[in-house]
Amino acid sequence: MNIIVRCGCGGIQNYIKSSLSVLKLAPVTEQDTYVGKEKIRKLAQQYPDTTLSQHLGVIAKKNGRYAYYISTDDSHNITAMYNLIRGQKVY
């Protein structure tokens, strides 16, 4: 599963588009893009006791601009995570 979680700040779409291109990441549909803390918290609740849930909980508490591309395996463990604002792989 590939998802994008991001804040609702203006101008974030530009960072996302350029980082997806530079990092050669698979595009994500609108349905797999979660905007805002509340939607991210609800997503985390769908996958209790997983690394995905833990990371989403931390991201939902962030202040300021953020946009992350997250890839998971079938068990919903994170296999890769990218900071789309910085255009860097987190892990």
C-alpha atoms as a PDB file:
ATOM      1  CA  MET A   1       0.000   0.000   0.000  1.00  0.00           C
ATOM      2  CA  ASN A   2       1.263   3.486  -0.866  1.00  0.00           C
ATOM      3  CA  ILE A   3      -0.228   6.528   0.847  1.00  0.00           C
ATOM      4  CA  ILE A   4       0.492  10.214   1.284  1.00  0.00           C
ATOM      5  CA  VAL A   5      -0.249  11.955   4.575  1.00  0.00           C
ATOM      6  CA  ARG A   6       0.035  15.719   4.622  1.00  0.00           C
ATOM      7  CA  CYS A   7      -1.081  18.934   6.235  1.00  0.00           C
ATOM      8  CA  GLY A   8      -3.689  21.138   4.618  1.00  0.00           C
ATOM      9  CA  CYS A   9      -1.247  24.005   4.092  1.00  0.00           C
ATOM     10  CA  GLY A  10      -1.161  25.834   0.780  1.00  0.00           C
ATOM     11  CA  GLY A  11       1.618  25.072  -1.670  1.00  0.00           C
ATOM     12  CA  ILE A  12       2.193  21.520  -0.445  1.00  0.00           C
ATOM     13  CA  GLN A  13       1.023  20.060  -3.761  1.00  0.00           C
ATOM     14  CA  ASN A  14       4.035  21.604  -5.512  1.00  0.00           C
ATOM     15  CA  TYR A  15       6.432  19.864  -3.095  1.00  0.00           C
ATOM     16  CA  ILE A  16       4.604  16.572  -3.546  1.00  0.00           C
ATOM     17  CA  LYS A  17       4.657  16.682  -7.353  1.00  0.00           C
ATOM     18  CA  SER A  18       8.337  17.564  -7.588  1.00  0.00           C
ATOM     19  CA  SER A  19       9.413  15.023  -4.948  1.00  0.00           C
ATOM     20  CA  LEU A  20       7.400  12.204  -6.537  1.00  0.00           C
ATOM     21  CA  SER A  21       9.173  12.968  -9.814  1.00  0.00           C
ATOM     22  CA  VAL A  22      12.687  13.328  -8.367  1.00  0.00           C
ATOM     23  CA  LEU A  23      12.419  10.252  -6.123  1.00  0.00           C
ATOM     24  CA  LYS A  24      10.687   8.234  -8.881  1.00  0.00           C
ATOM     25  CA  LEU A  25       7.850   7.171  -6.595  1.00  0.00           C
ATOM     26  CA  ALA A  26       4.622   5.610  -7.821  1.00  0.00           C
ATOM     27  CA  PRO A  27       1.774   8.134  -8.036  1.00  0.00           C
ATOM     28  CA  VAL A  28      -0.910   7.958  -5.350  1.00  0.00           C
ATOM     29  CA  THR A  29      -4.627   8.467  -5.982  1.00  0.00           C
ATOM     30  CA  GLU A  30      -6.712  11.081  -4.190  1.00  0.00           C
ATOM     31  CA  GLN A  31      -8.334   8.256  -2.192  1.00  0.00           C
ATOM     32  CA  ASP A  32      -4.920   7.308  -0.789  1.00  0.00           C
ATOM     33  CA  THR A  33      -4.032  10.868   0.203  1.00  0.00           C
ATOM     34  CA  TYR A  34      -4.937  11.869   3.758  1.00  0.00           C
ATOM     35  CA  VAL A  35      -5.041  15.588   4.507  1.00  0.00           C
ATOM     36  CA  GLY A  36      -5.156  16.908   8.058  1.00  0.00           C
ATOM     37  CA  LYS A  37      -4.589  15.568  11.529  1.00  0.00           C
ATOM     38  CA  GLU A  38      -8.069  14.149  12.044  1.00  0.00           C
ATOM     39  CA  LYS A  39      -8.014  12.029   8.872  1.00  0.00           C
ATOM     40  CA  ILE A  40      -4.523  10.782   9.735  1.00  0.00           C
ATOM     41  CA  ARG A  41      -5.680   9.794  13.243  1.00  0.00           C
ATOM     42  CA  LYS A  42      -8.648   7.897  11.788  1.00  0.00           C
ATOM     43  CA  LEU A  43      -6.323   6.079   9.390  1.00  0.00           C
ATOM     44  CA  ALA A  44      -4.034   5.110  12.288  1.00  0.00           C
ATOM     45  CA  GLN A  45      -7.001   3.623  14.162  1.00  0.00           C
ATOM     46  CA  GLN A  46      -7.676   1.269  11.244  1.00  0.00           C
ATOM     47  CA  TYR A  47      -4.298  -0.451  11.764  1.00  0.00           C
ATOM     48  CA  PRO A  48      -3.836  -0.897  15.534  1.00  0.00           C
ATOM     49  CA  ASP A  49      -0.580  -2.359  16.884  1.00  0.00           C
ATOM     50  CA  THR A  50       1.400  -1.782  13.676  1.00  0.00           C
ATOM     51  CA  THR A  51       4.368   0.420  12.879  1.00  0.00           C
ATOM     52  CA  LEU A  52       2.090   2.290  10.477  1.00  0.00           C
ATOM     53  CA  SER A  53      -0.271   3.192  13.306  1.00  0.00           C
ATOM     54  CA  GLN A  54       2.601   4.343  15.523  1.00  0.00           C
ATOM     55  CA  HIS A  55       4.122   6.571  12.854  1.00  0.00           C
ATOM     56  CA  LEU A  56       0.775   8.034  11.831  1.00  0.00           C
ATOM     57  CA  GLY A  57       0.079   8.898  15.477  1.00  0.00           C
ATOM     58  CA  VAL A  58       3.333  10.857  15.654  1.00  0.00           C
ATOM     59  CA  ILE A  59       2.715  12.583  12.321  1.00  0.00           C
ATOM     60  CA  ALA A  60      -0.789  13.602  13.446  1.00  0.00           C
ATOM     61  CA  LYS A  61       0.788  15.500  16.371  1.00  0.00           C
ATOM     62  CA  LYS A  62       3.188  17.510  14.172  1.00  0.00           C
ATOM     63  CA  ASN A  63       2.886  21.245  13.822  1.00  0.00           C
ATOM     64  CA  GLY A  64       3.802  23.147  10.700  1.00  0.00           C
ATOM     65  CA  ARG A  65       4.136  21.853   7.144  1.00  0.00           C
ATOM     66  CA  TYR A  66       4.514  18.154   6.480  1.00  0.00           C
ATOM     67  CA  ALA A  67       3.995  15.662   3.682  1.00  0.00           C
ATOM     68  CA  TYR A  68       5.071  12.018   3.810  1.00  0.00           C
ATOM     69  CA  TYR A  69       4.905   9.198   1.289  1.00  0.00           C
ATOM     70  CA  ILE A  70       4.596   5.864   3.087  1.00  0.00           C
ATOM     71  CA  SER A  71       4.887   2.362   1.589  1.00  0.00           C
ATOM     72  CA  THR A  72       3.784  -0.678   3.577  1.00  0.00           C
ATOM     73  CA  ASP A  73       3.842  -4.441   3.182  1.00  0.00           C
ATOM     74  CA  ASP A  74       0.779  -6.702   3.450  1.00  0.00           C
ATOM     75  CA  SER A  75       1.078  -6.724   7.272  1.00  0.00           C
ATOM     76  CA  HIS A  76       0.961  -2.892   7.304  1.00  0.00           C
ATOM     77  CA  ASN A  77       4.554  -2.552   8.443  1.00  0.00           C
ATOM     78  CA  ILE A  78       6.339   0.415   6.901  1.00  0.00           C
ATOM     79  CA  THR A  79       8.854  -0.598   4.237  1.00  0.00           C
ATOM     80  CA  ALA A  80       9.783   2.934   3.109  1.00  0.00           C
ATOM     81  CA  MET A  81       8.984   6.487   4.143  1.00  0.00           C
ATOM     82  CA  TYR A  82       9.829   9.726   2.332  1.00  0.00           C
ATOM     83  CA  ASN A  83       9.654  13.347   3.433  1.00  0.00           C
ATOM     84  CA  LEU A  84       8.132  15.000   0.370  1.00  0.00           C
ATOM     85  CA  ILE A  85       8.896  18.539   1.480  1.00  0.00           C
ATOM     86  CA  ARG A  86      12.618  17.859   1.738  1.00  0.00           C
ATOM     87  CA  GLY A  87      12.626  15.306  -1.077  1.00  0.00           C
ATOM     88  CA  GLN A  88      14.496  12.790   1.074  1.00  0.00           C
ATOM     89  CA  LYS A  89      14.072   9.190   2.150  1.00  0.00           C
ATOM     90  CA  VAL A  90      13.441   8.959   5.898  1.00  0.00           C
ATOM     91  CA  TYR A  91      13.955   5.171   5.899  1.00  0.00           C
END
